[in-house]
Structures are given as structure tokens and as C-alpha cells.
mmCIF file of all heavy atoms, coordinates in Angstrom:
data_MODEL
# 
_entry.id   MODEL 
# 
loop_
_atom_site.group_PDB 
_atom_site.id 
_atom_site.type_symbol 
_atom_site.label_atom_id 
_atom_site.label_alt_id 
_atom_site.label_comp_id 
_atom_site.label_asym_id 
_atom_site.label_entity_id 
_atom_site.label_seq_id 
_atom_site.pdbx_PDB_ins_code 
_atom_site.Cartn_x 
_atom_site.Cartn_y 
_atom_site.Cartn_z 
_atom_site.occupancy 
_atom_site.B_iso_or_equiv 
_atom_site.pdbx_formal_charge 
_atom_site.auth_seq_id 
_atom_site.auth_comp_id 
_atom_site.auth_asym_id 
_atom_site.auth_atom_id 
_atom_site.pdbx_PDB_model_num 
ATOM 1   N N   . ASP A 1 1  ? 5.895   -10.816 6.042   1.00 0.00 ? 1  ASP A N   1 
ATOM 2   C CA  . ASP A 1 1  ? 4.460   -11.067 5.833   1.00 0.00 ? 1  ASP A CA  1 
ATOM 3   C C   . ASP A 1 1  ? 3.561   -9.914  6.259   1.00 0.00 ? 1  ASP A C   1 
ATOM 4   O O   . ASP A 1 1  ? 2.432   -10.110 6.693   1.00 0.00 ? 1  ASP A O   1 
ATOM 5   C CB  . ASP A 1 1  ? 4.020   -12.358 6.535   1.00 0.00 ? 1  ASP A CB  1 
ATOM 6   C CG  . ASP A 1 1  ? 4.617   -13.587 5.881   1.00 0.00 ? 1  ASP A CG  1 
ATOM 7   O OD1 . ASP A 1 1  ? 4.785   -13.573 4.647   1.00 0.00 ? 1  ASP A OD1 1 
ATOM 8   O OD2 . ASP A 1 1  ? 4.921   -14.554 6.602   1.00 0.00 ? 1  ASP A OD2 1 
ATOM 9   N N   . LYS A 1 2  ? 4.048   -8.690  6.128   1.00 0.00 ? 2  LYS A N   1 
ATOM 10  C CA  . LYS A 1 2  ? 3.259   -7.496  6.424   1.00 0.00 ? 2  LYS A CA  1 
ATOM 11  C C   . LYS A 1 2  ? 2.587   -7.038  5.142   1.00 0.00 ? 2  LYS A C   1 
ATOM 12  O O   . LYS A 1 2  ? 3.157   -7.157  4.053   1.00 0.00 ? 2  LYS A O   1 
ATOM 13  C CB  . LYS A 1 2  ? 4.135   -6.377  6.995   1.00 0.00 ? 2  LYS A CB  1 
ATOM 14  C CG  . LYS A 1 2  ? 4.857   -6.758  8.265   1.00 0.00 ? 2  LYS A CG  1 
ATOM 15  C CD  . LYS A 1 2  ? 3.870   -7.033  9.379   1.00 0.00 ? 2  LYS A CD  1 
ATOM 16  C CE  . LYS A 1 2  ? 4.584   -7.413  10.650  1.00 0.00 ? 2  LYS A CE  1 
ATOM 17  N NZ  . LYS A 1 2  ? 3.709   -7.854  11.692  1.00 0.00 ? 2  LYS A NZ  1 
ATOM 18  N N   . SER A 1 3  ? 1.390   -6.503  5.267   1.00 0.00 ? 3  SER A N   1 
ATOM 19  C CA  . SER A 1 3  ? 0.621   -6.118  4.084   1.00 0.00 ? 3  SER A CA  1 
ATOM 20  C C   . SER A 1 3  ? 0.235   -4.646  4.100   1.00 0.00 ? 3  SER A C   1 
ATOM 21  O O   . SER A 1 3  ? -0.392  -4.182  5.054   1.00 0.00 ? 3  SER A O   1 
ATOM 22  C CB  . SER A 1 3  ? -0.662  -6.946  3.991   1.00 0.00 ? 3  SER A CB  1 
ATOM 23  O OG  . SER A 1 3  ? -0.375  -8.305  3.845   1.00 0.00 ? 3  SER A OG  1 
ATOM 24  N N   . ALA A 1 4  ? 0.601   -3.936  3.039   1.00 0.00 ? 4  ALA A N   1 
ATOM 25  C CA  . ALA A 1 4  ? 0.120   -2.574  2.838   1.00 0.00 ? 4  ALA A CA  1 
ATOM 26  C C   . ALA A 1 4  ? -1.310  -2.681  2.311   1.00 0.00 ? 4  ALA A C   1 
ATOM 27  O O   . ALA A 1 4  ? -1.685  -3.690  1.716   1.00 0.00 ? 4  ALA A O   1 
ATOM 28  C CB  . ALA A 1 4  ? 0.997   -1.837  1.837   1.00 0.00 ? 4  ALA A CB  1 
ATOM 29  N N   . ASP A 1 5  ? -2.100  -1.649  2.498   1.00 0.00 ? 5  ASP A N   1 
ATOM 30  C CA  . ASP A 1 5  ? -3.500  -1.709  2.083   1.00 0.00 ? 5  ASP A CA  1 
ATOM 31  C C   . ASP A 1 5  ? -3.652  -1.882  0.570   1.00 0.00 ? 5  ASP A C   1 
ATOM 32  O O   . ASP A 1 5  ? -4.534  -2.583  0.110   1.00 0.00 ? 5  ASP A O   1 
ATOM 33  C CB  . ASP A 1 5  ? -4.241  -0.458  2.558   1.00 0.00 ? 5  ASP A CB  1 
ATOM 34  C CG  . ASP A 1 5  ? -4.389  -0.456  4.064   1.00 0.00 ? 5  ASP A CG  1 
ATOM 35  O OD1 . ASP A 1 5  ? -4.998  -1.399  4.592   1.00 0.00 ? 5  ASP A OD1 1 
ATOM 36  O OD2 . ASP A 1 5  ? -3.882  0.469   4.713   1.00 0.00 ? 5  ASP A OD2 1 
ATOM 37  N N   . ILE A 1 6  ? -2.787  -1.211  -0.198  1.00 0.00 ? 6  ILE A N   1 
ATOM 38  C CA  . ILE A 1 6  ? -2.796  -1.344  -1.659  1.00 0.00 ? 6  ILE A CA  1 
ATOM 39  C C   . ILE A 1 6  ? -1.348  -1.437  -2.135  1.00 0.00 ? 6  ILE A C   1 
ATOM 40  O O   . ILE A 1 6  ? -0.463  -0.778  -1.597  1.00 0.00 ? 6  ILE A O   1 
ATOM 41  C CB  . ILE A 1 6  ? -3.482  -0.142  -2.348  1.00 0.00 ? 6  ILE A CB  1 
ATOM 42  C CG1 . ILE A 1 6  ? -4.952  -0.047  -1.938  1.00 0.00 ? 6  ILE A CG1 1 
ATOM 43  C CG2 . ILE A 1 6  ? -3.353  -0.226  -3.875  1.00 0.00 ? 6  ILE A CG2 1 
ATOM 44  C CD1 . ILE A 1 6  ? -5.674  1.192   -2.466  1.00 0.00 ? 6  ILE A CD1 1 
ATOM 45  N N   . ARG A 1 7  ? -1.138  -2.254  -3.137  1.00 0.00 ? 7  ARG A N   1 
ATOM 46  C CA  . ARG A 1 7  ? 0.173   -2.351  -3.779  1.00 0.00 ? 7  ARG A CA  1 
ATOM 47  C C   . ARG A 1 7  ? -0.037  -2.020  -5.253  1.00 0.00 ? 7  ARG A C   1 
ATOM 48  O O   . ARG A 1 7  ? -0.700  -2.755  -5.979  1.00 0.00 ? 7  ARG A O   1 
ATOM 49  C CB  . ARG A 1 7  ? 0.730   -3.758  -3.627  1.00 0.00 ? 7  ARG A CB  1 
ATOM 50  C CG  . ARG A 1 7  ? 2.086   -3.958  -4.273  1.00 0.00 ? 7  ARG A CG  1 
ATOM 51  C CD  . ARG A 1 7  ? 2.501   -5.432  -4.149  1.00 0.00 ? 7  ARG A CD  1 
ATOM 52  N NE  . ARG A 1 7  ? 3.794   -5.662  -4.710  1.00 0.00 ? 7  ARG A NE  1 
ATOM 53  C CZ  . ARG A 1 7  ? 4.819   -6.163  -4.046  1.00 0.00 ? 7  ARG A CZ  1 
ATOM 54  N NH1 . ARG A 1 7  ? 4.677   -6.482  -2.770  1.00 0.00 ? 7  ARG A NH1 1 
ATOM 55  N NH2 . ARG A 1 7  ? 5.967   -6.356  -4.640  1.00 0.00 ? 7  ARG A NH2 1 
ATOM 56  N N   . ALA A 1 8  ? 0.527   -0.898  -5.682  1.00 0.00 ? 8  ALA A N   1 
ATOM 57  C CA  . ALA A 1 8  ? 0.475   -0.513  -7.094  1.00 0.00 ? 8  ALA A CA  1 
ATOM 58  C C   . ALA A 1 8  ? 1.801   -0.900  -7.715  1.00 0.00 ? 8  ALA A C   1 
ATOM 59  O O   . ALA A 1 8  ? 2.865   -0.614  -7.140  1.00 0.00 ? 8  ALA A O   1 
ATOM 60  C CB  . ALA A 1 8  ? 0.250   0.987   -7.221  1.00 0.00 ? 8  ALA A CB  1 
ATOM 61  N N   . SER A 1 9  ? 1.762   -1.566  -8.876  1.00 0.00 ? 9  SER A N   1 
ATOM 62  C CA  . SER A 1 9  ? 3.022   -2.040  -9.457  1.00 0.00 ? 9  SER A CA  1 
ATOM 63  C C   . SER A 1 9  ? 3.030   -1.924  -10.976 1.00 0.00 ? 9  SER A C   1 
ATOM 64  O O   . SER A 1 9  ? 1.993   -1.984  -11.631 1.00 0.00 ? 9  SER A O   1 
ATOM 65  C CB  . SER A 1 9  ? 3.284   -3.491  -9.046  1.00 0.00 ? 9  SER A CB  1 
ATOM 66  O OG  . SER A 1 9  ? 2.234   -4.328  -9.441  1.00 0.00 ? 9  SER A OG  1 
ATOM 67  N N   . PHE A 1 10 ? 4.257   -1.747  -11.477 1.00 0.00 ? 10 PHE A N   1 
ATOM 68  C CA  . PHE A 1 10 ? 4.479   -1.629  -12.914 1.00 0.00 ? 10 PHE A CA  1 
ATOM 69  C C   . PHE A 1 10 ? 5.922   -2.010  -13.204 1.00 0.00 ? 10 PHE A C   1 
ATOM 70  O O   . PHE A 1 10 ? 6.851   -1.444  -12.625 1.00 0.00 ? 10 PHE A O   1 
ATOM 71  C CB  . PHE A 1 10 ? 4.229   -0.192  -13.382 1.00 0.00 ? 10 PHE A CB  1 
ATOM 72  C CG  . PHE A 1 10 ? 4.514   0.028   -14.841 1.00 0.00 ? 10 PHE A CG  1 
ATOM 73  C CD1 . PHE A 1 10 ? 3.585   -0.322  -15.803 1.00 0.00 ? 10 PHE A CD1 1 
ATOM 74  C CD2 . PHE A 1 10 ? 5.723   0.562   -15.246 1.00 0.00 ? 10 PHE A CD2 1 
ATOM 75  C CE1 . PHE A 1 10 ? 3.845   -0.141  -17.152 1.00 0.00 ? 10 PHE A CE1 1 
ATOM 76  C CE2 . PHE A 1 10 ? 6.000   0.750   -16.595 1.00 0.00 ? 10 PHE A CE2 1 
ATOM 77  C CZ  . PHE A 1 10 ? 5.057   0.401   -17.550 1.00 0.00 ? 10 PHE A CZ  1 
ATOM 78  N N   . GLY A 1 11 ? 6.125   -2.990  -14.065 1.00 0.00 ? 11 GLY A N   1 
ATOM 79  C CA  . GLY A 1 11 ? 7.460   -3.359  -14.519 1.00 0.00 ? 11 GLY A CA  1 
ATOM 80  C C   . GLY A 1 11 ? 8.460   -3.657  -13.421 1.00 0.00 ? 11 GLY A C   1 
ATOM 81  O O   . GLY A 1 11 ? 9.615   -3.247  -13.507 1.00 0.00 ? 11 GLY A O   1 
ATOM 82  N N   . GLY A 1 12 ? 8.037   -4.352  -12.376 1.00 0.00 ? 12 GLY A N   1 
ATOM 83  C CA  . GLY A 1 12 ? 8.944   -4.713  -11.301 1.00 0.00 ? 12 GLY A CA  1 
ATOM 84  C C   . GLY A 1 12 ? 9.072   -3.669  -10.198 1.00 0.00 ? 12 GLY A C   1 
ATOM 85  O O   . GLY A 1 12 ? 9.663   -3.919  -9.160  1.00 0.00 ? 12 GLY A O   1 
ATOM 86  N N   . PHE A 1 13 ? 8.542   -2.480  -10.432 1.00 0.00 ? 13 PHE A N   1 
ATOM 87  C CA  . PHE A 1 13 ? 8.554   -1.417  -9.423  1.00 0.00 ? 13 PHE A CA  1 
ATOM 88  C C   . PHE A 1 13 ? 7.191   -1.392  -8.761  1.00 0.00 ? 13 PHE A C   1 
ATOM 89  O O   . PHE A 1 13 ? 6.174   -1.583  -9.418  1.00 0.00 ? 13 PHE A O   1 
ATOM 90  C CB  . PHE A 1 13 ? 8.847   -0.065  -10.090 1.00 0.00 ? 13 PHE A CB  1 
ATOM 91  C CG  . PHE A 1 13 ? 8.843   1.101   -9.142  1.00 0.00 ? 13 PHE A CG  1 
ATOM 92  C CD1 . PHE A 1 13 ? 9.883   1.301   -8.250  1.00 0.00 ? 13 PHE A CD1 1 
ATOM 93  C CD2 . PHE A 1 13 ? 7.795   1.999   -9.134  1.00 0.00 ? 13 PHE A CD2 1 
ATOM 94  C CE1 . PHE A 1 13 ? 9.887   2.371   -7.376  1.00 0.00 ? 13 PHE A CE1 1 
ATOM 95  C CE2 . PHE A 1 13 ? 7.775   3.070   -8.267  1.00 0.00 ? 13 PHE A CE2 1 
ATOM 96  C CZ  . PHE A 1 13 ? 8.830   3.260   -7.389  1.00 0.00 ? 13 PHE A CZ  1 
ATOM 97  N N   . ASN A 1 14 ? 7.151   -1.190  -7.447  1.00 0.00 ? 14 ASN A N   1 
ATOM 98  C CA  . ASN A 1 14 ? 5.854   -1.118  -6.782  1.00 0.00 ? 14 ASN A CA  1 
ATOM 99  C C   . ASN A 1 14 ? 5.837   -0.014  -5.743  1.00 0.00 ? 14 ASN A C   1 
ATOM 100 O O   . ASN A 1 14 ? 6.881   0.405   -5.243  1.00 0.00 ? 14 ASN A O   1 
ATOM 101 C CB  . ASN A 1 14 ? 5.468   -2.472  -6.178  1.00 0.00 ? 14 ASN A CB  1 
ATOM 102 C CG  . ASN A 1 14 ? 6.275   -2.822  -4.961  1.00 0.00 ? 14 ASN A CG  1 
ATOM 103 O OD1 . ASN A 1 14 ? 5.961   -2.376  -3.866  1.00 0.00 ? 14 ASN A OD1 1 
ATOM 104 N ND2 . ASN A 1 14 ? 7.330   -3.620  -5.134  1.00 0.00 ? 14 ASN A ND2 1 
ATOM 105 N N   . VAL A 1 15 ? 4.640   0.459   -5.460  1.00 0.00 ? 15 VAL A N   1 
ATOM 106 C CA  . VAL A 1 15 ? 4.443   1.518   -4.475  1.00 0.00 ? 15 VAL A CA  1 
ATOM 107 C C   . VAL A 1 15 ? 3.416   1.033   -3.458  1.00 0.00 ? 15 VAL A C   1 
ATOM 108 O O   . VAL A 1 15 ? 2.268   0.771   -3.817  1.00 0.00 ? 15 VAL A O   1 
ATOM 109 C CB  . VAL A 1 15 ? 3.951   2.826   -5.140  1.00 0.00 ? 15 VAL A CB  1 
ATOM 110 C CG1 . VAL A 1 15 ? 3.684   3.901   -4.085  1.00 0.00 ? 15 VAL A CG1 1 
ATOM 111 C CG2 . VAL A 1 15 ? 4.952   3.320   -6.163  1.00 0.00 ? 15 VAL A CG2 1 
ATOM 112 N N   . PRO A 1 16 ? 3.828   0.910   -2.187  1.00 0.00 ? 16 PRO A N   1 
ATOM 113 C CA  . PRO A 1 16 ? 2.858   0.565   -1.158  1.00 0.00 ? 16 PRO A CA  1 
ATOM 114 C C   . PRO A 1 16 ? 2.017   1.782   -0.802  1.00 0.00 ? 16 PRO A C   1 
ATOM 115 O O   . PRO A 1 16 ? 2.531   2.904   -0.712  1.00 0.00 ? 16 PRO A O   1 
ATOM 116 C CB  . PRO A 1 16 ? 3.734   0.144   0.025   1.00 0.00 ? 16 PRO A CB  1 
ATOM 117 C CG  . PRO A 1 16 ? 5.026   0.845   -0.183  1.00 0.00 ? 16 PRO A CG  1 
ATOM 118 C CD  . PRO A 1 16 ? 5.194   1.011   -1.669  1.00 0.00 ? 16 PRO A CD  1 
ATOM 119 N N   . ILE A 1 17 ? 0.725   1.555   -0.612  1.00 0.00 ? 17 ILE A N   1 
ATOM 120 C CA  . ILE A 1 17 ? -0.193  2.614   -0.224  1.00 0.00 ? 17 ILE A CA  1 
ATOM 121 C C   . ILE A 1 17 ? -0.831  2.185   1.099   1.00 0.00 ? 17 ILE A C   1 
ATOM 122 O O   . ILE A 1 17 ? -1.551  1.186   1.144   1.00 0.00 ? 17 ILE A O   1 
ATOM 123 C CB  . ILE A 1 17 ? -1.276  2.864   -1.294  1.00 0.00 ? 17 ILE A CB  1 
ATOM 124 C CG1 . ILE A 1 17 ? -0.620  3.231   -2.634  1.00 0.00 ? 17 ILE A CG1 1 
ATOM 125 C CG2 . ILE A 1 17 ? -2.245  3.945   -0.833  1.00 0.00 ? 17 ILE A CG2 1 
ATOM 126 C CD1 . ILE A 1 17 ? -1.590  3.309   -3.804  1.00 0.00 ? 17 ILE A CD1 1 
ATOM 127 N N   . GLU A 1 18 ? -0.527  2.924   2.146   1.00 0.00 ? 18 GLU A N   1 
ATOM 128 C CA  . GLU A 1 18 ? -1.103  2.649   3.462   1.00 0.00 ? 18 GLU A CA  1 
ATOM 129 C C   . GLU A 1 18 ? -2.263  3.609   3.685   1.00 0.00 ? 18 GLU A C   1 
ATOM 130 O O   . GLU A 1 18 ? -2.159  4.801   3.381   1.00 0.00 ? 18 GLU A O   1 
ATOM 131 C CB  . GLU A 1 18 ? -0.050  2.814   4.556   1.00 0.00 ? 18 GLU A CB  1 
ATOM 132 C CG  . GLU A 1 18 ? -0.550  2.516   5.950   1.00 0.00 ? 18 GLU A CG  1 
ATOM 133 C CD  . GLU A 1 18 ? -1.100  1.106   6.142   1.00 0.00 ? 18 GLU A CD  1 
ATOM 134 O OE1 . GLU A 1 18 ? -0.747  0.175   5.374   1.00 0.00 ? 18 GLU A OE1 1 
ATOM 135 O OE2 . GLU A 1 18 ? -1.906  0.920   7.061   1.00 0.00 ? 18 GLU A OE2 1 
ATOM 136 N N   . ILE A 1 19 ? -3.377  3.077   4.203   1.00 0.00 ? 19 ILE A N   1 
ATOM 137 C CA  . ILE A 1 19 ? -4.598  3.859   4.359   1.00 0.00 ? 19 ILE A CA  1 
ATOM 138 C C   . ILE A 1 19 ? -5.044  3.846   5.820   1.00 0.00 ? 19 ILE A C   1 
ATOM 139 O O   . ILE A 1 19 ? -5.006  2.800   6.476   1.00 0.00 ? 19 ILE A O   1 
ATOM 140 C CB  . ILE A 1 19 ? -5.724  3.285   3.473   1.00 0.00 ? 19 ILE A CB  1 
ATOM 141 C CG1 . ILE A 1 19 ? -5.328  3.371   2.000   1.00 0.00 ? 19 ILE A CG1 1 
ATOM 142 C CG2 . ILE A 1 19 ? -7.045  4.000   3.739   1.00 0.00 ? 19 ILE A CG2 1 
ATOM 143 C CD1 . ILE A 1 19 ? -6.278  2.656   1.059   1.00 0.00 ? 19 ILE A CD1 1 
ATOM 144 N N   . LYS A 1 20 ? -5.492  4.997   6.285   1.00 0.00 ? 20 LYS A N   1 
ATOM 145 C CA  . LYS A 1 20 ? -6.090  5.117   7.614   1.00 0.00 ? 20 LYS A CA  1 
ATOM 146 C C   . LYS A 1 20 ? -7.307  6.036   7.526   1.00 0.00 ? 20 LYS A C   1 
ATOM 147 O O   . LYS A 1 20 ? -7.362  6.922   6.683   1.00 0.00 ? 20 LYS A O   1 
ATOM 148 C CB  . LYS A 1 20 ? -5.104  5.716   8.624   1.00 0.00 ? 20 LYS A CB  1 
ATOM 149 C CG  . LYS A 1 20 ? -3.917  4.838   8.946   1.00 0.00 ? 20 LYS A CG  1 
ATOM 150 C CD  . LYS A 1 20 ? -4.337  3.624   9.739   1.00 0.00 ? 20 LYS A CD  1 
ATOM 151 C CE  . LYS A 1 20 ? -3.163  2.727   10.061  1.00 0.00 ? 20 LYS A CE  1 
ATOM 152 N NZ  . LYS A 1 20 ? -3.314  1.375   9.573   1.00 0.00 ? 20 LYS A NZ  1 
ATOM 153 N N   . ARG A 1 21 ? -8.259  5.817   8.424   1.00 0.00 ? 21 ARG A N   1 
ATOM 154 C CA  . ARG A 1 21 ? -9.357  6.764   8.590   1.00 0.00 ? 21 ARG A CA  1 
ATOM 155 C C   . ARG A 1 21 ? -8.884  7.845   9.556   1.00 0.00 ? 21 ARG A C   1 
ATOM 156 O O   . ARG A 1 21 ? -8.014  7.597   10.390  1.00 0.00 ? 21 ARG A O   1 
ATOM 157 C CB  . ARG A 1 21 ? -10.609 6.071   9.134   1.00 0.00 ? 21 ARG A CB  1 
ATOM 158 C CG  . ARG A 1 21 ? -11.155 5.026   8.189   1.00 0.00 ? 21 ARG A CG  1 
ATOM 159 C CD  . ARG A 1 21 ? -12.478 4.436   8.618   1.00 0.00 ? 21 ARG A CD  1 
ATOM 160 N NE  . ARG A 1 21 ? -12.556 4.165   10.045  1.00 0.00 ? 21 ARG A NE  1 
ATOM 161 C CZ  . ARG A 1 21 ? -13.702 4.055   10.713  1.00 0.00 ? 21 ARG A CZ  1 
ATOM 162 N NH1 . ARG A 1 21 ? -14.858 4.186   10.093  1.00 0.00 ? 21 ARG A NH1 1 
ATOM 163 N NH2 . ARG A 1 21 ? -13.711 3.798   11.997  1.00 0.00 ? 21 ARG A NH2 1 
ATOM 164 N N   . SER A 1 22 ? -9.476  9.019   9.482   1.00 0.00 ? 22 SER A N   1 
ATOM 165 C CA  . SER A 1 22 ? -9.041  10.143  10.316  1.00 0.00 ? 22 SER A CA  1 
ATOM 166 C C   . SER A 1 22 ? -9.252  9.900   11.802  1.00 0.00 ? 22 SER A C   1 
ATOM 167 O O   . SER A 1 22 ? -8.695  10.604  12.631  1.00 0.00 ? 22 SER A O   1 
ATOM 168 C CB  . SER A 1 22 ? -9.747  11.430  9.890   1.00 0.00 ? 22 SER A CB  1 
ATOM 169 O OG  . SER A 1 22 ? -11.152 11.280  9.895   1.00 0.00 ? 22 SER A OG  1 
ATOM 170 N N   . CYS A 1 23 ? -10.014 8.885   12.160  1.00 0.00 ? 23 CYS A N   1 
ATOM 171 C CA  . CYS A 1 23 ? -10.253 8.570   13.566  1.00 0.00 ? 23 CYS A CA  1 
ATOM 172 C C   . CYS A 1 23 ? -9.451  7.360   14.045  1.00 0.00 ? 23 CYS A C   1 
ATOM 173 O O   . CYS A 1 23 ? -9.616  6.914   15.181  1.00 0.00 ? 23 CYS A O   1 
ATOM 174 C CB  . CYS A 1 23 ? -11.748 8.329   13.805  1.00 0.00 ? 23 CYS A CB  1 
ATOM 175 S SG  . CYS A 1 23 ? -12.464 7.052   12.743  1.00 0.00 ? 23 CYS A SG  1 
ATOM 176 N N   . HIS A 1 24 ? -8.561  6.835   13.219  1.00 0.00 ? 24 HIS A N   1 
ATOM 177 C CA  . HIS A 1 24 ? -7.790  5.648   13.617  1.00 0.00 ? 24 HIS A CA  1 
ATOM 178 C C   . HIS A 1 24 ? -6.824  5.997   14.742  1.00 0.00 ? 24 HIS A C   1 
ATOM 179 O O   . HIS A 1 24 ? -6.134  7.008   14.700  1.00 0.00 ? 24 HIS A O   1 
ATOM 180 C CB  . HIS A 1 24 ? -7.033  5.101   12.404  1.00 0.00 ? 24 HIS A CB  1 
ATOM 181 C CG  . HIS A 1 24 ? -6.516  3.719   12.624  1.00 0.00 ? 24 HIS A CG  1 
ATOM 182 N ND1 . HIS A 1 24 ? -5.403  3.458   13.387  1.00 0.00 ? 24 HIS A ND1 1 
ATOM 183 C CD2 . HIS A 1 24 ? -6.962  2.524   12.181  1.00 0.00 ? 24 HIS A CD2 1 
ATOM 184 C CE1 . HIS A 1 24 ? -5.185  2.153   13.403  1.00 0.00 ? 24 HIS A CE1 1 
ATOM 185 N NE2 . HIS A 1 24 ? -6.126  1.565   12.677  1.00 0.00 ? 24 HIS A NE2 1 
# 
């Protein structure tokens, strides 16, 4: 139940996109 900031997906394949600010 962990969530990446964005999940891009196409045809069963997906790419997690994790986002941070430079001050995190």
C-alpha cells in the first residue's frame, strides 16, 4: 500500500515517478 507520486502506465507496463522538492 505504498504510493509513488505519479504512476505512468501503458499496456500493462508502468513507471513509478517519485517527486521531492530540493529542500525535502
